[in-house]
Amino acid sequence: SRLFMTDAVFMEQMVDLEYKVVASPTAKRFAQSMGDGRIIGHKCPSCGKVYVPPKGYCPMCVVETTDADEVAIADVGTVASFTVLTPIQYRGQNEKDPYALANILLDGASGTVGQQRIAGVPSDQVRMGMRVKAVWNPPDERAPDDDARGWGLGNAIKHWEPSGESDAPLETYREHML
């Protein structure tokens, strides 16, 4: 026989799910290095691309990378693209002024790190090619990245600000523009 909507029974039930994220040893090592004030990456032994944060493999060559492939990455880079956000004002909103989030091509890396806060310059002066440097949080304010997923730089870096260097030439970051 067919079930008609008049025969259906509906129940209300609360569901609670807890997730436990298990970070890889590579992601944990990266989080520890950020806590120590160092940025590290993995250089693919096959193609030479440098991944920040390290992944433990090269997705292009399908080659494993290990601590033996670890390289130090500078805490300076180039704004490859950016967006300026204007906070919507609502009750309890602390952010009032527009601010910029950028994708930064770190010196020594083959790809960008995204969603990095730019400060020390009005948002209307942020531009592609601008050279920036990291402003690190004090060591006691660098909370451990408990889930250490390796998706970003954690909270070790407070923000990025202009380095005072001349803008980078377009050809150095062109392939990283969004």
C-alpha atoms as a PDB file:
ATOM      1  CA  SER A   1       0.000   0.000   0.000  1.00  0.00           C
ATOM      2  CA  ARG A   2       1.101   3.578  -0.549  1.00  0.00           C
ATOM      3  CA  LEU A   3       1.966   5.934   2.272  1.00  0.00           C
ATOM      4  CA  PHE A   4      -0.077   9.096   2.131  1.00  0.00           C
ATOM      5  CA  MET A   5       0.835  12.307   3.964  1.00  0.00           C
ATOM      6  CA  THR A   6      -2.126  11.717   6.244  1.00  0.00           C
ATOM      7  CA  ASP A   7      -0.439   8.481   7.370  1.00  0.00           C
ATOM      8  CA  ALA A   8       2.946  10.118   8.127  1.00  0.00           C
ATOM      9  CA  VAL A   9       4.155  10.538  11.683  1.00  0.00           C
ATOM     10  CA  PHE A  10       6.478  13.412  12.515  1.00  0.00           C
ATOM     11  CA  MET A  11       8.678  13.560  15.599  1.00  0.00           C
ATOM     12  CA  GLU A  12      10.681  16.381  17.044  1.00  0.00           C
ATOM     13  CA  GLN A  13      14.102  15.411  18.298  1.00  0.00           C
ATOM     14  CA  MET A  14      17.189  17.333  19.344  1.00  0.00           C
ATOM     15  CA  VAL A  15      20.423  16.064  17.873  1.00  0.00           C
ATOM     16  CA  ASP A  16      23.835  16.907  19.273  1.00  0.00           C
ATOM     17  CA  LEU A  17      26.994  16.002  17.381  1.00  0.00           C
ATOM     18  CA  GLU A  18      30.514  16.369  18.696  1.00  0.00           C
ATOM     19  CA  TYR A  19      33.443  16.312  16.332  1.00  0.00           C
ATOM     20  CA  LYS A  20      37.005  15.512  17.215  1.00  0.00           C
ATOM     21  CA  VAL A  21      39.494  16.782  14.690  1.00  0.00           C
ATOM     22  CA  VAL A  22      42.689  14.773  14.591  1.00  0.00           C
ATOM     23  CA  ALA A  23      45.497  16.859  13.152  1.00  0.00           C
ATOM     24  CA  SER A  24      48.253  15.310  11.108  1.00  0.00           C
ATOM     25  CA  PRO A  25      51.822  15.382  12.446  1.00  0.00           C
ATOM     26  CA  THR A  26      52.694  17.798   9.610  1.00  0.00           C
ATOM     27  CA  ALA A  27      49.918  20.227  10.641  1.00  0.00           C
ATOM     28  CA  LYS A  28      50.962  19.971  14.302  1.00  0.00           C
ATOM     29  CA  ARG A  29      54.585  20.742  13.408  1.00  0.00           C
ATOM     30  CA  PHE A  30      53.471  23.747  11.378  1.00  0.00           C
ATOM     31  CA  ALA A  31      51.320  25.054  14.251  1.00  0.00           C
ATOM     32  CA  GLN A  32      54.262  24.615  16.632  1.00  0.00           C
ATOM     33  CA  SER A  33      56.593  26.514  14.292  1.00  0.00           C
ATOM     34  CA  MET A  34      54.087  29.373  14.022  1.00  0.00           C
ATOM     35  CA  GLY A  35      53.919  29.471  17.822  1.00  0.00           C
ATOM     36  CA  ASP A  36      57.713  29.769  17.804  1.00  0.00           C
ATOM     37  CA  GLY A  37      57.530  32.693  15.363  1.00  0.00           C
ATOM     38  CA  ARG A  38      58.663  30.767  12.285  1.00  0.00           C
ATOM     39  CA  ILE A  39      56.860  30.002   9.034  1.00  0.00           C
ATOM     40  CA  ILE A  40      57.775  26.698   7.405  1.00  0.00           C
ATOM     41  CA  GLY A  41      56.775  24.971   4.201  1.00  0.00           C
ATOM     42  CA  HIS A  42      57.479  21.730   2.369  1.00  0.00           C
ATOM     43  CA  LYS A  43      59.339  21.751  -0.933  1.00  0.00           C
ATOM     44  CA  CYS A  44      58.312  19.013  -3.337  1.00  0.00           C
ATOM     45  CA  PRO A  45      61.381  16.883  -4.152  1.00  0.00           C
ATOM     46  CA  SER A  46      60.020  16.348  -7.671  1.00  0.00           C
ATOM     47  CA  CYS A  47      58.755  19.713  -8.998  1.00  0.00           C
ATOM     48  CA  GLY A  48      60.231  22.096  -6.408  1.00  0.00           C
ATOM     49  CA  LYS A  49      56.934  23.806  -5.503  1.00  0.00           C
ATOM     50  CA  VAL A  50      56.834  25.041  -1.901  1.00  0.00           C
ATOM     51  CA  TYR A  51      53.586  24.588   0.029  1.00  0.00           C
ATOM     52  CA  VAL A  52      52.653  26.795   2.994  1.00  0.00           C
ATOM     53  CA  PRO A  53      51.201  25.447   5.202  1.00  0.00           C
ATOM     54  CA  PRO A  54      52.892  22.143   4.383  1.00  0.00           C
ATOM     55  CA  LYS A  55      50.514  19.388   3.286  1.00  0.00           C
ATOM     56  CA  GLY A  56      52.713  16.313   3.645  1.00  0.00           C
ATOM     57  CA  TYR A  57      52.469  15.735  -0.099  1.00  0.00           C
ATOM     58  CA  CYS A  58      52.624  17.548  -3.414  1.00  0.00           C
ATOM     59  CA  PRO A  59      49.151  17.546  -4.965  1.00  0.00           C
ATOM     60  CA  MET A  60      50.640  18.115  -8.419  1.00  0.00           C
ATOM     61  CA  CYS A  61      53.191  15.275  -8.411  1.00  0.00           C
ATOM     62  CA  VAL A  62      51.427  13.033  -5.892  1.00  0.00           C
ATOM     63  CA  VAL A  63      54.712  12.749  -4.010  1.00  0.00           C
ATOM     64  CA  GLU A  64      55.014  12.542  -0.228  1.00  0.00           C
ATOM     65  CA  THR A  65      56.859  15.351   1.545  1.00  0.00           C
ATOM     66  CA  THR A  66      58.378  14.934   4.996  1.00  0.00           C
ATOM     67  CA  ASP A  67      60.372  16.894   7.565  1.00  0.00           C
ATOM     68  CA  ALA A  68      63.376  16.324   5.284  1.00  0.00           C
ATOM     69  CA  ASP A  69      61.631  18.578   2.725  1.00  0.00           C
ATOM     70  CA  GLU A  70      61.002  21.381   5.238  1.00  0.00           C
ATOM     71  CA  VAL A  71      62.127  24.870   4.261  1.00  0.00           C
ATOM     72  CA  ALA A  72      62.051  28.181   6.116  1.00  0.00           C
ATOM     73  CA  ILE A  73      59.719  30.790   4.640  1.00  0.00           C
ATOM     74  CA  ALA A  74      60.152  34.525   5.078  1.00  0.00           C
ATOM     75  CA  ASP A  75      57.544  36.498   6.988  1.00  0.00           C
ATOM     76  CA  VAL A  76      57.381  39.031   4.155  1.00  0.00           C
ATOM     77  CA  GLY A  77      55.488  38.813   0.902  1.00  0.00           C
ATOM     78  CA  THR A  78      53.425  40.437  -1.815  1.00  0.00           C
ATOM     79  CA  VAL A  79      49.707  41.203  -1.866  1.00  0.00           C
ATOM     80  CA  ALA A  80      48.479  39.149  -4.833  1.00  0.00           C
ATOM     81  CA  SER A  81      44.812  40.089  -4.412  1.00  0.00           C
ATOM     82  CA  PHE A  82      42.629  41.620  -1.735  1.00  0.00           C
ATOM     83  CA  THR A  83      39.157  42.704  -0.788  1.00  0.00           C
ATOM     84  CA  VAL A  84      37.977  45.569   1.393  1.00  0.00           C
ATOM     85  CA  LEU A  85      35.202  44.729   3.827  1.00  0.00           C
ATOM     86  CA  THR A  86      32.850  47.287   5.314  1.00  0.00           C
ATOM     87  CA  PRO A  87      31.384  45.900   8.528  1.00  0.00           C
ATOM     88  CA  ILE A  88      27.604  45.912   8.771  1.00  0.00           C
ATOM     89  CA  GLN A  89      26.617  47.701  11.939  1.00  0.00           C
ATOM     90  CA  TYR A  90      24.524  45.708  14.351  1.00  0.00           C
ATOM     91  CA  ARG A  91      24.128  45.583  18.102  1.00  0.00           C
ATOM     92  CA  GLY A  92      27.372  44.411  19.669  1.00  0.00           C
ATOM     93  CA  GLN A  93      29.435  44.880  16.524  1.00  0.00           C
ATOM     94  CA  ASN A  94      32.876  46.167  17.500  1.00  0.00           C
ATOM     95  CA  GLU A  95      34.315  46.509  13.998  1.00  0.00           C
ATOM     96  CA  LYS A  96      33.293  49.840  12.495  1.00  0.00           C
ATOM     97  CA  ASP A  97      35.902  50.835   9.919  1.00  0.00           C
ATOM     98  CA  PRO A  98      36.515  49.186   6.548  1.00  0.00           C
ATOM     99  CA  TYR A  99      39.457  46.774   6.510  1.00  0.00           C
ATOM    100  CA  ALA A 100      41.332  44.724   3.933  1.00  0.00           C
ATOM    101  CA  LEU A 101      41.880  40.971   3.757  1.00  0.00           C
ATOM    102  CA  ALA A 102      44.512  39.815   1.303  1.00  0.00           C
ATOM    103  CA  ASN A 103      45.977  36.771  -0.362  1.00  0.00           C
ATOM    104  CA  ILE A 104      49.706  37.066   0.241  1.00  0.00           C
ATOM    105  CA  LEU A 105      52.416  35.361  -1.780  1.00  0.00           C
ATOM    106  CA  LEU A 106      55.116  34.800   0.819  1.00  0.00           C
ATOM    107  CA  ASP A 107      58.716  35.067  -0.334  1.00  0.00           C
ATOM    108  CA  GLY A 108      59.866  31.497  -0.953  1.00  0.00           C
ATOM    109  CA  ALA A 109      56.369  29.998  -1.312  1.00  0.00           C
ATOM    110  CA  SER A 110      54.727  28.764  -4.495  1.00  0.00           C
ATOM    111  CA  GLY A 111      51.171  29.704  -3.501  1.00  0.00           C
ATOM    112  CA  THR A 112      49.344  32.315  -1.481  1.00  0.00           C
ATOM    113  CA  VAL A 113      48.000  32.277   2.049  1.00  0.00           C
ATOM    114  CA  GLY A 114      44.533  33.788   2.138  1.00  0.00           C
ATOM    115  CA  GLN A 115      42.358  35.912   4.380  1.00  0.00           C
ATOM    116  CA  GLN A 116      45.267  37.819   5.901  1.00  0.00           C
ATOM    117  CA  ARG A 117      44.409  41.105   7.640  1.00  0.00           C
ATOM    118  CA  ILE A 118      46.233  44.182   6.342  1.00  0.00           C
ATOM    119  CA  ALA A 119      46.801  47.008   8.841  1.00  0.00           C
ATOM    120  CA  GLY A 120      49.059  50.006   9.188  1.00  0.00           C
ATOM    121  CA  VAL A 121      47.666  51.577   6.030  1.00  0.00           C
ATOM    122  CA  PRO A 122      44.184  52.906   5.142  1.00  0.00           C
ATOM    123  CA  SER A 123      42.156  50.261   3.322  1.00  0.00           C
ATOM    124  CA  ASP A 124      41.874  52.485   0.242  1.00  0.00           C
ATOM    125  CA  GLN A 125      45.685  52.395  -0.093  1.00  0.00           C
ATOM    126  CA  VAL A 126      46.021  48.606  -0.144  1.00  0.00           C
ATOM    127  CA  ARG A 127      46.968  47.430  -3.616  1.00  0.00           C
ATOM    128  CA  MET A 128      48.118  44.377  -5.523  1.00  0.00           C
ATOM    129  CA  GLY A 129      51.887  44.168  -5.599  1.00  0.00           C
ATOM    130  CA  MET A 130      52.253  45.919  -2.239  1.00  0.00           C
ATOM    131  CA  ARG A 131      55.065  44.401  -0.185  1.00  0.00           C
ATOM    132  CA  VAL A 132      54.035  43.486   3.362  1.00  0.00           C
ATOM    133  CA  LYS A 133      55.621  42.056   6.507  1.00  0.00           C
ATOM    134  CA  ALA A 134      54.109  40.056   9.340  1.00  0.00           C
ATOM    135  CA  VAL A 135      53.380  41.642  12.696  1.00  0.00           C
ATOM    136  CA  TRP A 136      53.551  38.737  15.128  1.00  0.00           C
ATOM    137  CA  ASN A 137      51.508  38.518  18.286  1.00  0.00           C
ATOM    138  CA  PRO A 138      53.670  38.371  21.416  1.00  0.00           C
ATOM    139  CA  PRO A 139      54.671  34.752  22.201  1.00  0.00           C
ATOM    140  CA  ASP A 140      52.355  34.566  25.224  1.00  0.00           C
ATOM    141  CA  GLU A 141      49.373  35.579  23.034  1.00  0.00           C
ATOM    142  CA  ARG A 142      49.943  32.911  20.373  1.00  0.00           C
ATOM    143  CA  ALA A 143      47.297  30.448  21.465  1.00  0.00           C
ATOM    144  CA  PRO A 144      47.980  26.891  20.385  1.00  0.00           C
ATOM    145  CA  ASP A 145      45.994  25.842  17.340  1.00  0.00           C
ATOM    146  CA  ASP A 146      44.221  22.929  18.987  1.00  0.00           C
ATOM    147  CA  ASP A 147      42.767  21.490  15.828  1.00  0.00           C
ATOM    148  CA  ALA A 148      45.869  22.358  13.748  1.00  0.00           C
ATOM    149  CA  ARG A 149      44.146  21.515  10.483  1.00  0.00           C
ATOM    150  CA  GLY A 150      46.820  23.269   8.454  1.00  0.00           C
ATOM    151  CA  TRP A 151      44.332  25.480   6.632  1.00  0.00           C
ATOM    152  CA  GLY A 152      45.930  28.793   7.507  1.00  0.00           C
ATOM    153  CA  LEU A 153      48.473  30.561   9.650  1.00  0.00           C
ATOM    154  CA  GLY A 154      46.584  30.299  12.945  1.00  0.00           C
ATOM    155  CA  ASN A 155      46.655  33.282  15.304  1.00  0.00           C
ATOM    156  CA  ALA A 156      50.436  33.723  15.632  1.00  0.00           C
ATOM    157  CA  ILE A 157      50.402  36.651  13.204  1.00  0.00           C
ATOM    158  CA  LYS A 158      48.366  39.636  14.358  1.00  0.00           C
ATOM    159  CA  HIS A 159      48.251  41.247  10.913  1.00  0.00           C
ATOM    160  CA  TRP A 160      50.406  42.318   7.981  1.00  0.00           C
ATOM    161  CA  GLU A 161      51.584  45.850   7.286  1.00  0.00           C
ATOM    162  CA  PRO A 162      53.508  47.581   4.497  1.00  0.00           C
ATOM    163  CA  SER A 163      57.189  46.645   4.576  1.00  0.00           C
ATOM    164  CA  GLY A 164      58.391  49.930   3.070  1.00  0.00           C
ATOM    165  CA  GLU A 165      59.762  48.148   0.009  1.00  0.00           C
ATOM    166  CA  SER A 166      58.839  49.142  -3.521  1.00  0.00           C
ATOM    167  CA  ASP A 167      55.856  47.315  -5.020  1.00  0.00           C
ATOM    168  CA  ALA A 168      56.648  43.952  -6.598  1.00  0.00           C
ATOM    169  CA  PRO A 169      56.581  43.743 -10.405  1.00  0.00           C
ATOM    170  CA  LEU A 170      53.340  42.295 -11.796  1.00  0.00           C
ATOM    171  CA  GLU A 171      55.074  39.290 -13.374  1.00  0.00           C
ATOM    172  CA  THR A 172      56.165  38.056  -9.901  1.00  0.00           C
ATOM    173  CA  TYR A 173      52.583  37.562  -8.679  1.00  0.00           C
ATOM    174  CA  ARG A 174      50.425  37.608 -11.848  1.00  0.00           C
ATOM    175  CA  GLU A 175      49.617  33.869 -11.730  1.00  0.00           C
ATOM    176  CA  HIS A 176      48.374  34.250  -8.136  1.00  0.00           C
ATOM    177  CA  MET A 177      45.849  37.010  -8.780  1.00  0.00           C
ATOM    178  CA  LEU A 178      42.224  36.088  -8.160  1.00  0.00           C
END
